[in-house]
Amino acid sequence: ALEATRRIPAMRPDVMVLDARLPDGSGIDVCRDVRSVD
């Protein structure tokens, strides 16, 4: 999750497919954090 949160806004994909459960967080947090930026 940490790496994705950092990389996704920089890469600016149209769609991010996010696993809901991750060892270091969740796709829920990643989705919200990324969409807060973009």
ModelCIF file with pLDDT and N, C-alpha, C, O atoms, coordinates in Angstrom:
data_MODEL
#
_entry.id   MODEL 
#
_entity.id                         1 
_entity.type                       polymer 
_entity.pdbx_number_of_molecules   1 
#
_entity_poly.entity_id                      1 
_entity_poly.type                           'polypeptide(L)' 
_entity_poly.nstd_linkage                   no 
_entity_poly.nstd_monomer                   no 
_entity_poly.pdbx_seq_one_letter_code       ALEATRRIPAMRPDVMVLDARLPDGSGIDVCRDVRSVD 
_entity_poly.pdbx_seq_one_letter_code_can   ALEATRRIPAMRPDVMVLDARLPDGSGIDVCRDVRSVD 
_entity_poly.pdbx_strand_id                 A 
#
loop_
_entity_poly_seq.entity_id 
_entity_poly_seq.num 
_entity_poly_seq.mon_id 
_entity_poly_seq.hetero 
1 1  ALA n 
1 2  LEU n 
1 3  GLU n 
1 4  ALA n 
1 5  THR n 
1 6  ARG n 
1 7  ARG n 
1 8  ILE n 
1 9  PRO n 
1 10 ALA n 
1 11 MET n 
1 12 ARG n 
1 13 PRO n 
1 14 ASP n 
1 15 VAL n 
1 16 MET n 
1 17 VAL n 
1 18 LEU n 
1 19 ASP n 
1 20 ALA n 
1 21 ARG n 
1 22 LEU n 
1 23 PRO n 
1 24 ASP n 
1 25 GLY n 
1 26 SER n 
1 27 GLY n 
1 28 ILE n 
1 29 ASP n 
1 30 VAL n 
1 31 CYS n 
1 32 ARG n 
1 33 ASP n 
1 34 VAL n 
1 35 ARG n 
1 36 SER n 
1 37 VAL n 
1 38 ASP n 
#
_struct_asym.id          A 
_struct_asym.entity_id   1 
#
loop_
_ma_qa_metric.id 
_ma_qa_metric.mode 
_ma_qa_metric.name 
_ma_qa_metric.software_group_id 
_ma_qa_metric.type 
1 global pLDDT . pLDDT 
2 local  pLDDT . pLDDT 
#
_ma_qa_metric_global.metric_id      1 
_ma_qa_metric_global.metric_value   91.21 
_ma_qa_metric_global.model_id       1 
_ma_qa_metric_global.ordinal_id     1 
#
loop_
_ma_qa_metric_local.label_asym_id 
_ma_qa_metric_local.label_comp_id 
_ma_qa_metric_local.label_seq_id 
_ma_qa_metric_local.metric_id 
_ma_qa_metric_local.metric_value 
_ma_qa_metric_local.model_id 
_ma_qa_metric_local.ordinal_id 
A ALA 1  2 93.00 1 1  
A LEU 2  2 93.00 1 2  
A GLU 3  2 95.00 1 3  
A ALA 4  2 96.00 1 4  
A THR 5  2 94.00 1 5  
A ARG 6  2 94.00 1 6  
A ARG 7  2 96.00 1 7  
A ILE 8  2 97.00 1 8  
A PRO 9  2 95.00 1 9  
A ALA 10 2 95.00 1 10 
A MET 11 2 95.00 1 11 
A ARG 12 2 95.00 1 12 
A PRO 13 2 97.00 1 13 
A ASP 14 2 97.00 1 14 
A VAL 15 2 97.00 1 15 
A MET 16 2 97.00 1 16 
A VAL 17 2 96.00 1 17 
A LEU 18 2 94.00 1 18 
A ASP 19 2 92.00 1 19 
A ALA 20 2 87.00 1 20 
A ARG 21 2 86.00 1 21 
A LEU 22 2 89.00 1 22 
A PRO 23 2 89.00 1 23 
A ASP 24 2 89.00 1 24 
A GLY 25 2 85.00 1 25 
A SER 26 2 86.00 1 26 
A GLY 27 2 89.00 1 27 
A ILE 28 2 85.00 1 28 
A ASP 29 2 85.00 1 29 
A VAL 30 2 91.00 1 30 
A CYS 31 2 91.00 1 31 
A ARG 32 2 84.00 1 32 
A ASP 33 2 86.00 1 33 
A VAL 34 2 91.00 1 34 
A ARG 35 2 88.00 1 35 
A SER 36 2 81.00 1 36 
A VAL 37 2 86.00 1 37 
A ASP 38 2 90.00 1 38 
#
loop_
_atom_site.group_PDB 
_atom_site.id 
_atom_site.type_symbol 
_atom_site.label_atom_id 
_atom_site.label_alt_id 
_atom_site.label_comp_id 
_atom_site.label_asym_id 
_atom_site.label_entity_id 
_atom_site.label_seq_id 
_atom_site.pdbx_PDB_ins_code 
_atom_site.Cartn_x 
_atom_site.Cartn_y 
_atom_site.Cartn_z 
_atom_site.occupancy 
_atom_site.B_iso_or_equiv 
_atom_site.pdbx_formal_charge 
_atom_site.auth_seq_id 
_atom_site.auth_comp_id 
_atom_site.auth_asym_id 
_atom_site.auth_atom_id 
_atom_site.pdbx_PDB_model_num 
ATOM 1   N N  . ALA A 1 1  ? 0.832  -1.206 0.000   1.00 93.00 ? 1  ALA A N  1 
ATOM 2   C CA . ALA A 1 1  ? 0.000  0.000  0.000   1.00 93.00 ? 1  ALA A CA 1 
ATOM 3   C C  . ALA A 1 1  ? 0.861  1.248  0.000   1.00 93.00 ? 1  ALA A C  1 
ATOM 4   O O  . ALA A 1 1  ? 0.548  2.213  -0.698  1.00 93.00 ? 1  ALA A O  1 
ATOM 5   N N  . LEU A 1 2  ? 1.940  1.246  0.771   1.00 93.00 ? 2  LEU A N  1 
ATOM 6   C CA . LEU A 1 2  ? 2.805  2.423  0.870   1.00 93.00 ? 2  LEU A CA 1 
ATOM 7   C C  . LEU A 1 2  ? 3.413  2.789  -0.472  1.00 93.00 ? 2  LEU A C  1 
ATOM 8   O O  . LEU A 1 2  ? 3.420  3.955  -0.866  1.00 93.00 ? 2  LEU A O  1 
ATOM 9   N N  . GLU A 1 3  ? 3.923  1.786  -1.171  1.00 95.00 ? 3  GLU A N  1 
ATOM 10  C CA . GLU A 1 3  ? 4.529  2.037  -2.477  1.00 95.00 ? 3  GLU A CA 1 
ATOM 11  C C  . GLU A 1 3  ? 3.483  2.529  -3.475  1.00 95.00 ? 3  GLU A C  1 
ATOM 12  O O  . GLU A 1 3  ? 3.741  3.455  -4.245  1.00 95.00 ? 3  GLU A O  1 
ATOM 13  N N  . ALA A 1 4  ? 2.307  1.912  -3.459  1.00 96.00 ? 4  ALA A N  1 
ATOM 14  C CA . ALA A 1 4  ? 1.257  2.300  -4.400  1.00 96.00 ? 4  ALA A CA 1 
ATOM 15  C C  . ALA A 1 4  ? 0.793  3.736  -4.152  1.00 96.00 ? 4  ALA A C  1 
ATOM 16  O O  . ALA A 1 4  ? 0.572  4.486  -5.103  1.00 96.00 ? 4  ALA A O  1 
ATOM 17  N N  . THR A 1 5  ? 0.646  4.119  -2.899  1.00 94.00 ? 5  THR A N  1 
ATOM 18  C CA . THR A 1 5  ? 0.207  5.474  -2.569  1.00 94.00 ? 5  THR A CA 1 
ATOM 19  C C  . THR A 1 5  ? 1.191  6.503  -3.101  1.00 94.00 ? 5  THR A C  1 
ATOM 20  O O  . THR A 1 5  ? 0.800  7.597  -3.508  1.00 94.00 ? 5  THR A O  1 
ATOM 21  N N  . ARG A 1 6  ? 2.453  6.153  -3.094  1.00 94.00 ? 6  ARG A N  1 
ATOM 22  C CA . ARG A 1 6  ? 3.483  7.068  -3.582  1.00 94.00 ? 6  ARG A CA 1 
ATOM 23  C C  . ARG A 1 6  ? 3.567  7.095  -5.113  1.00 94.00 ? 6  ARG A C  1 
ATOM 24  O O  . ARG A 1 6  ? 3.776  8.152  -5.709  1.00 94.00 ? 6  ARG A O  1 
ATOM 25  N N  . ARG A 1 7  ? 3.402  5.933  -5.739  1.00 96.00 ? 7  ARG A N  1 
ATOM 26  C CA . ARG A 1 7  ? 3.652  5.838  -7.175  1.00 96.00 ? 7  ARG A CA 1 
ATOM 27  C C  . ARG A 1 7  ? 2.452  6.197  -8.041  1.00 96.00 ? 7  ARG A C  1 
ATOM 28  O O  . ARG A 1 7  ? 2.615  6.781  -9.112  1.00 96.00 ? 7  ARG A O  1 
ATOM 29  N N  . ILE A 1 8  ? 1.255  5.857  -7.592  1.00 97.00 ? 8  ILE A N  1 
ATOM 30  C CA . ILE A 1 8  ? 0.078  6.025  -8.448  1.00 97.00 ? 8  ILE A CA 1 
ATOM 31  C C  . ILE A 1 8  ? -0.155 7.488  -8.865  1.00 97.00 ? 8  ILE A C  1 
ATOM 32  O O  . ILE A 1 8  ? -0.365 7.736  -10.052 1.00 97.00 ? 8  ILE A O  1 
ATOM 33  N N  . PRO A 1 9  ? -0.126 8.467  -7.944  1.00 95.00 ? 9  PRO A N  1 
ATOM 34  C CA . PRO A 1 9  ? -0.351 9.855  -8.396  1.00 95.00 ? 9  PRO A CA 1 
ATOM 35  C C  . PRO A 1 9  ? 0.679  10.312 -9.417  1.00 95.00 ? 9  PRO A C  1 
ATOM 36  O O  . PRO A 1 9  ? 0.359  11.095 -10.312 1.00 95.00 ? 9  PRO A O  1 
ATOM 37  N N  . ALA A 1 10 ? 1.909  9.833  -9.292  1.00 95.00 ? 10 ALA A N  1 
ATOM 38  C CA . ALA A 1 10 ? 2.958  10.228 -10.228 1.00 95.00 ? 10 ALA A CA 1 
ATOM 39  C C  . ALA A 1 10 ? 2.751  9.599  -11.607 1.00 95.00 ? 10 ALA A C  1 
ATOM 40  O O  . ALA A 1 10 ? 3.072  10.214 -12.624 1.00 95.00 ? 10 ALA A O  1 
ATOM 41  N N  . MET A 1 11 ? 2.218  8.376  -11.644 1.00 95.00 ? 11 MET A N  1 
ATOM 42  C CA . MET A 1 11 ? 2.037  7.666  -12.908 1.00 95.00 ? 11 MET A CA 1 
ATOM 43  C C  . MET A 1 11 ? 0.716  8.018  -13.583 1.00 95.00 ? 11 MET A C  1 
ATOM 44  O O  . MET A 1 11 ? 0.561  7.825  -14.789 1.00 95.00 ? 11 MET A O  1 
ATOM 45  N N  . ARG A 1 12 ? -0.239 8.535  -12.805 1.00 95.00 ? 12 ARG A N  1 
ATOM 46  C CA . ARG A 1 12 ? -1.528 9.017  -13.309 1.00 95.00 ? 12 ARG A CA 1 
ATOM 47  C C  . ARG A 1 12 ? -2.250 8.015  -14.224 1.00 95.00 ? 12 ARG A C  1 
ATOM 48  O O  . ARG A 1 12 ? -2.525 8.320  -15.385 1.00 95.00 ? 12 ARG A O  1 
ATOM 49  N N  . PRO A 1 13 ? -2.550 6.843  -13.709 1.00 97.00 ? 13 PRO A N  1 
ATOM 50  C CA . PRO A 1 13 ? -3.352 5.895  -14.507 1.00 97.00 ? 13 PRO A CA 1 
ATOM 51  C C  . PRO A 1 13 ? -4.799 6.373  -14.574 1.00 97.00 ? 13 PRO A C  1 
ATOM 52  O O  . PRO A 1 13 ? -5.206 7.251  -13.814 1.00 97.00 ? 13 PRO A O  1 
ATOM 53  N N  . ASP A 1 14 ? -5.556 5.802  -15.468 1.00 97.00 ? 14 ASP A N  1 
ATOM 54  C CA . ASP A 1 14 ? -6.992 6.098  -15.522 1.00 97.00 ? 14 ASP A CA 1 
ATOM 55  C C  . ASP A 1 14 ? -7.734 5.302  -14.455 1.00 97.00 ? 14 ASP A C  1 
ATOM 56  O O  . ASP A 1 14 ? -8.679 5.796  -13.840 1.00 97.00 ? 14 ASP A O  1 
ATOM 57  N N  . VAL A 1 15 ? -7.294 4.059  -14.242 1.00 97.00 ? 15 VAL A N  1 
ATOM 58  C CA . VAL A 1 15 ? -7.954 3.158  -13.300 1.00 97.00 ? 15 VAL A CA 1 
ATOM 59  C C  . VAL A 1 15 ? -6.907 2.473  -12.424 1.00 97.00 ? 15 VAL A C  1 
ATOM 60  O O  . VAL A 1 15 ? -5.875 2.021  -12.920 1.00 97.00 ? 15 VAL A O  1 
ATOM 61  N N  . MET A 1 16 ? -7.176 2.398  -11.129 1.00 97.00 ? 16 MET A N  1 
ATOM 62  C CA . MET A 1 16 ? -6.307 1.628  -10.226 1.00 97.00 ? 16 MET A CA 1 
ATOM 63  C C  . MET A 1 16 ? -7.124 0.471  -9.663  1.00 97.00 ? 16 MET A C  1 
ATOM 64  O O  . MET A 1 16 ? -8.202 0.675  -9.105  1.00 97.00 ? 16 MET A O  1 
ATOM 65  N N  . VAL A 1 17 ? -6.603 -0.740 -9.816  1.00 96.00 ? 17 VAL A N  1 
ATOM 66  C CA . VAL A 1 17 ? -7.248 -1.943 -9.294  1.00 96.00 ? 17 VAL A CA 1 
ATOM 67  C C  . VAL A 1 17 ? -6.520 -2.303 -8.007  1.00 96.00 ? 17 VAL A C  1 
ATOM 68  O O  . VAL A 1 17 ? -5.335 -2.635 -8.030  1.00 96.00 ? 17 VAL A O  1 
ATOM 69  N N  . LEU A 1 18 ? -7.243 -2.236 -6.865  1.00 94.00 ? 18 LEU A N  1 
ATOM 70  C CA . LEU A 1 18 ? -6.602 -2.267 -5.563  1.00 94.00 ? 18 LEU A CA 1 
ATOM 71  C C  . LEU A 1 18 ? -7.107 -3.417 -4.697  1.00 94.00 ? 18 LEU A C  1 
ATOM 72  O O  . LEU A 1 18 ? -8.309 -3.544 -4.463  1.00 94.00 ? 18 LEU A O  1 
ATOM 73  N N  . ASP A 1 19 ? -6.196 -4.242 -4.229  1.00 92.00 ? 19 ASP A N  1 
ATOM 74  C CA . ASP A 1 19 ? -6.552 -5.313 -3.305  1.00 92.00 ? 19 ASP A CA 1 
ATOM 75  C C  . ASP A 1 19 ? -7.073 -4.701 -2.004  1.00 92.00 ? 19 ASP A C  1 
ATOM 76  O O  . ASP A 1 19 ? -6.463 -3.782 -1.458  1.00 92.00 ? 19 ASP A O  1 
ATOM 77  N N  . ALA A 1 20 ? -8.191 -5.210 -1.514  1.00 87.00 ? 20 ALA A N  1 
ATOM 78  C CA . ALA A 1 20 ? -8.797 -4.641 -0.307  1.00 87.00 ? 20 ALA A CA 1 
ATOM 79  C C  . ALA A 1 20 ? -7.945 -4.880 0.925   1.00 87.00 ? 20 ALA A C  1 
ATOM 80  O O  . ALA A 1 20 ? -7.953 -4.055 1.839   1.00 87.00 ? 20 ALA A O  1 
ATOM 81  N N  . ARG A 1 21 ? -7.206 -5.990 0.981   1.00 86.00 ? 21 ARG A N  1 
ATOM 82  C CA . ARG A 1 21 ? -6.431 -6.329 2.172   1.00 86.00 ? 21 ARG A CA 1 
ATOM 83  C C  . ARG A 1 21 ? -4.973 -6.560 1.808   1.00 86.00 ? 21 ARG A C  1 
ATOM 84  O O  . ARG A 1 21 ? -4.647 -7.388 0.957   1.00 86.00 ? 21 ARG A O  1 
ATOM 85  N N  . LEU A 1 22 ? -4.102 -5.803 2.478   1.00 89.00 ? 22 LEU A N  1 
ATOM 86  C CA . LEU A 1 22 ? -2.672 -5.881 2.218   1.00 89.00 ? 22 LEU A CA 1 
ATOM 87  C C  . LEU A 1 22 ? -1.915 -5.976 3.535   1.00 89.00 ? 22 LEU A C  1 
ATOM 88  O O  . LEU A 1 22 ? -2.429 -5.548 4.568   1.00 89.00 ? 22 LEU A O  1 
ATOM 89  N N  . PRO A 1 23 ? -0.708 -6.527 3.522   1.00 89.00 ? 23 PRO A N  1 
ATOM 90  C CA . PRO A 1 23 ? 0.054  -6.661 4.767   1.00 89.00 ? 23 PRO A CA 1 
ATOM 91  C C  . PRO A 1 23 ? 0.336  -5.331 5.457   1.00 89.00 ? 23 PRO A C  1 
ATOM 92  O O  . PRO A 1 23 ? 0.399  -5.271 6.685   1.00 89.00 ? 23 PRO A O  1 
ATOM 93  N N  . ASP A 1 24 ? 0.508  -4.257 4.670   1.00 89.00 ? 24 ASP A N  1 
ATOM 94  C CA . ASP A 1 24 ? 0.863  -2.964 5.265   1.00 89.00 ? 24 ASP A CA 1 
ATOM 95  C C  . ASP A 1 24 ? -0.258 -1.937 5.163   1.00 89.00 ? 24 ASP A C  1 
ATOM 96  O O  . ASP A 1 24 ? -0.006 -0.738 5.289   1.00 89.00 ? 24 ASP A O  1 
ATOM 97  N N  . GLY A 1 25 ? -1.478 -2.380 4.939   1.00 85.00 ? 25 GLY A N  1 
ATOM 98  C CA . GLY A 1 25 ? -2.590 -1.435 4.840   1.00 85.00 ? 25 GLY A CA 1 
ATOM 99  C C  . GLY A 1 25 ? -3.744 -2.031 4.060   1.00 85.00 ? 25 GLY A C  1 
ATOM 100 O O  . GLY A 1 25 ? -4.013 -3.229 4.148   1.00 85.00 ? 25 GLY A O  1 
ATOM 101 N N  . SER A 1 26 ? -4.428 -1.187 3.294   1.00 86.00 ? 26 SER A N  1 
ATOM 102 C CA . SER A 1 26 ? -5.561 -1.670 2.507   1.00 86.00 ? 26 SER A CA 1 
ATOM 103 C C  . SER A 1 26 ? -5.741 -0.825 1.262   1.00 86.00 ? 26 SER A C  1 
ATOM 104 O O  . SER A 1 26 ? -5.313 0.327  1.189   1.00 86.00 ? 26 SER A O  1 
ATOM 105 N N  . GLY A 1 27 ? -6.399 -1.449 0.274   1.00 89.00 ? 27 GLY A N  1 
ATOM 106 C CA . GLY A 1 27 ? -6.731 -0.709 -0.933  1.00 89.00 ? 27 GLY A CA 1 
ATOM 107 C C  . GLY A 1 27 ? -7.705 0.416  -0.663  1.00 89.00 ? 27 GLY A C  1 
ATOM 108 O O  . GLY A 1 27 ? -7.775 1.383  -1.423  1.00 89.00 ? 27 GLY A O  1 
ATOM 109 N N  . ILE A 1 28 ? -8.467 0.292  0.429   1.00 85.00 ? 28 ILE A N  1 
ATOM 110 C CA . ILE A 1 28 ? -9.400 1.357  0.814   1.00 85.00 ? 28 ILE A CA 1 
ATOM 111 C C  . ILE A 1 28 ? -8.640 2.644  1.075   1.00 85.00 ? 28 ILE A C  1 
ATOM 112 O O  . ILE A 1 28 ? -8.977 3.699  0.535   1.00 85.00 ? 28 ILE A O  1 
ATOM 113 N N  . ASP A 1 29 ? -7.601 2.548  1.918   1.00 85.00 ? 29 ASP A N  1 
ATOM 114 C CA . ASP A 1 29 ? -6.806 3.733  2.244   1.00 85.00 ? 29 ASP A CA 1 
ATOM 115 C C  . ASP A 1 29 ? -6.091 4.264  1.011   1.00 85.00 ? 29 ASP A C  1 
ATOM 116 O O  . ASP A 1 29 ? -6.035 5.475  0.799   1.00 85.00 ? 29 ASP A O  1 
ATOM 117 N N  . VAL A 1 30 ? -5.549 3.372  0.203   1.00 91.00 ? 30 VAL A N  1 
ATOM 118 C CA . VAL A 1 30 ? -4.837 3.801  -1.004  1.00 91.00 ? 30 VAL A CA 1 
ATOM 119 C C  . VAL A 1 30 ? -5.777 4.555  -1.931  1.00 91.00 ? 30 VAL A C  1 
ATOM 120 O O  . VAL A 1 30 ? -5.425 5.612  -2.455  1.00 91.00 ? 30 VAL A O  1 
ATOM 121 N N  . CYS A 1 31 ? -6.966 4.015  -2.133  1.00 91.00 ? 31 CYS A N  1 
ATOM 122 C CA . CYS A 1 31 ? -7.942 4.645  -3.016  1.00 91.00 ? 31 CYS A CA 1 
ATOM 123 C C  . CYS A 1 31 ? -8.280 6.044  -2.519  1.00 91.00 ? 31 CYS A C  1 
ATOM 124 O O  . CYS A 1 31 ? -8.272 7.005  -3.288  1.00 91.00 ? 31 CYS A O  1 
ATOM 125 N N  . ARG A 1 32 ? -8.573 6.148  -1.239  1.00 84.00 ? 32 ARG A N  1 
ATOM 126 C CA . ARG A 1 32 ? -8.946 7.445  -0.675  1.00 84.00 ? 32 ARG A CA 1 
ATOM 127 C C  . ARG A 1 32 ? -7.786 8.441  -0.757  1.00 84.00 ? 32 ARG A C  1 
ATOM 128 O O  . ARG A 1 32 ? -7.981 9.594  -1.143  1.00 84.00 ? 32 ARG A O  1 
ATOM 129 N N  . ASP A 1 33 ? -6.577 7.993  -0.392  1.00 86.00 ? 33 ASP A N  1 
ATOM 130 C CA . ASP A 1 33 ? -5.424 8.889  -0.392  1.00 86.00 ? 33 ASP A CA 1 
ATOM 131 C C  . ASP A 1 33 ? -5.090 9.371  -1.799  1.00 86.00 ? 33 ASP A C  1 
ATOM 132 O O  . ASP A 1 33 ? -4.794 10.547 -2.006  1.00 86.00 ? 33 ASP A O  1 
ATOM 133 N N  . VAL A 1 34 ? -5.138 8.460  -2.756  1.00 91.00 ? 34 VAL A N  1 
ATOM 134 C CA . VAL A 1 34 ? -4.817 8.835  -4.140  1.00 91.00 ? 34 VAL A CA 1 
ATOM 135 C C  . VAL A 1 34 ? -5.871 9.787  -4.690  1.00 91.00 ? 34 VAL A C  1 
ATOM 136 O O  . VAL A 1 34 ? -5.531 10.782 -5.329  1.00 91.00 ? 34 VAL A O  1 
ATOM 137 N N  . ARG A 1 35 ? -7.143 9.492  -4.450  1.00 88.00 ? 35 ARG A N  1 
ATOM 138 C CA . ARG A 1 35 ? -8.208 10.341 -4.979  1.00 88.00 ? 35 ARG A CA 1 
ATOM 139 C C  . ARG A 1 35 ? -8.246 11.706 -4.284  1.00 88.00 ? 35 ARG A C  1 
ATOM 140 O O  . ARG A 1 35 ? -8.771 12.671 -4.839  1.00 88.00 ? 35 ARG A O  1 
ATOM 141 N N  . SER A 1 36 ? -7.692 11.784 -3.079  1.00 81.00 ? 36 SER A N  1 
ATOM 142 C CA . SER A 1 36 ? -7.580 13.071 -2.410  1.00 81.00 ? 36 SER A CA 1 
ATOM 143 C C  . SER A 1 36 ? -6.589 13.964 -3.147  1.00 81.00 ? 36 SER A C  1 
ATOM 144 O O  . SER A 1 36 ? -6.737 15.185 -3.175  1.00 81.00 ? 36 SER A O  1 
ATOM 145 N N  . VAL A 1 37 ? -5.577 13.339 -3.743  1.00 86.00 ? 37 VAL A N  1 
ATOM 146 C CA . VAL A 1 37 ? -4.577 14.072 -4.519  1.00 86.00 ? 37 VAL A CA 1 
ATOM 147 C C  . VAL A 1 37 ? -5.051 14.303 -5.944  1.00 86.00 ? 37 VAL A C  1 
ATOM 148 O O  . VAL A 1 37 ? -4.893 15.395 -6.490  1.00 86.00 ? 37 VAL A O  1 
ATOM 149 N N  . ASP A 1 38 ? -5.638 13.263 -6.549  1.00 90.00 ? 38 ASP A N  1 
ATOM 150 C CA . ASP A 1 38 ? -6.094 13.350 -7.939  1.00 90.00 ? 38 ASP A CA 1 
ATOM 151 C C  . ASP A 1 38 ? -7.418 12.588 -8.097  1.00 90.00 ? 38 ASP A C  1 
ATOM 152 O O  . ASP A 1 38 ? -7.974 12.538 -9.194  1.00 90.00 ? 38 ASP A O  1 
#
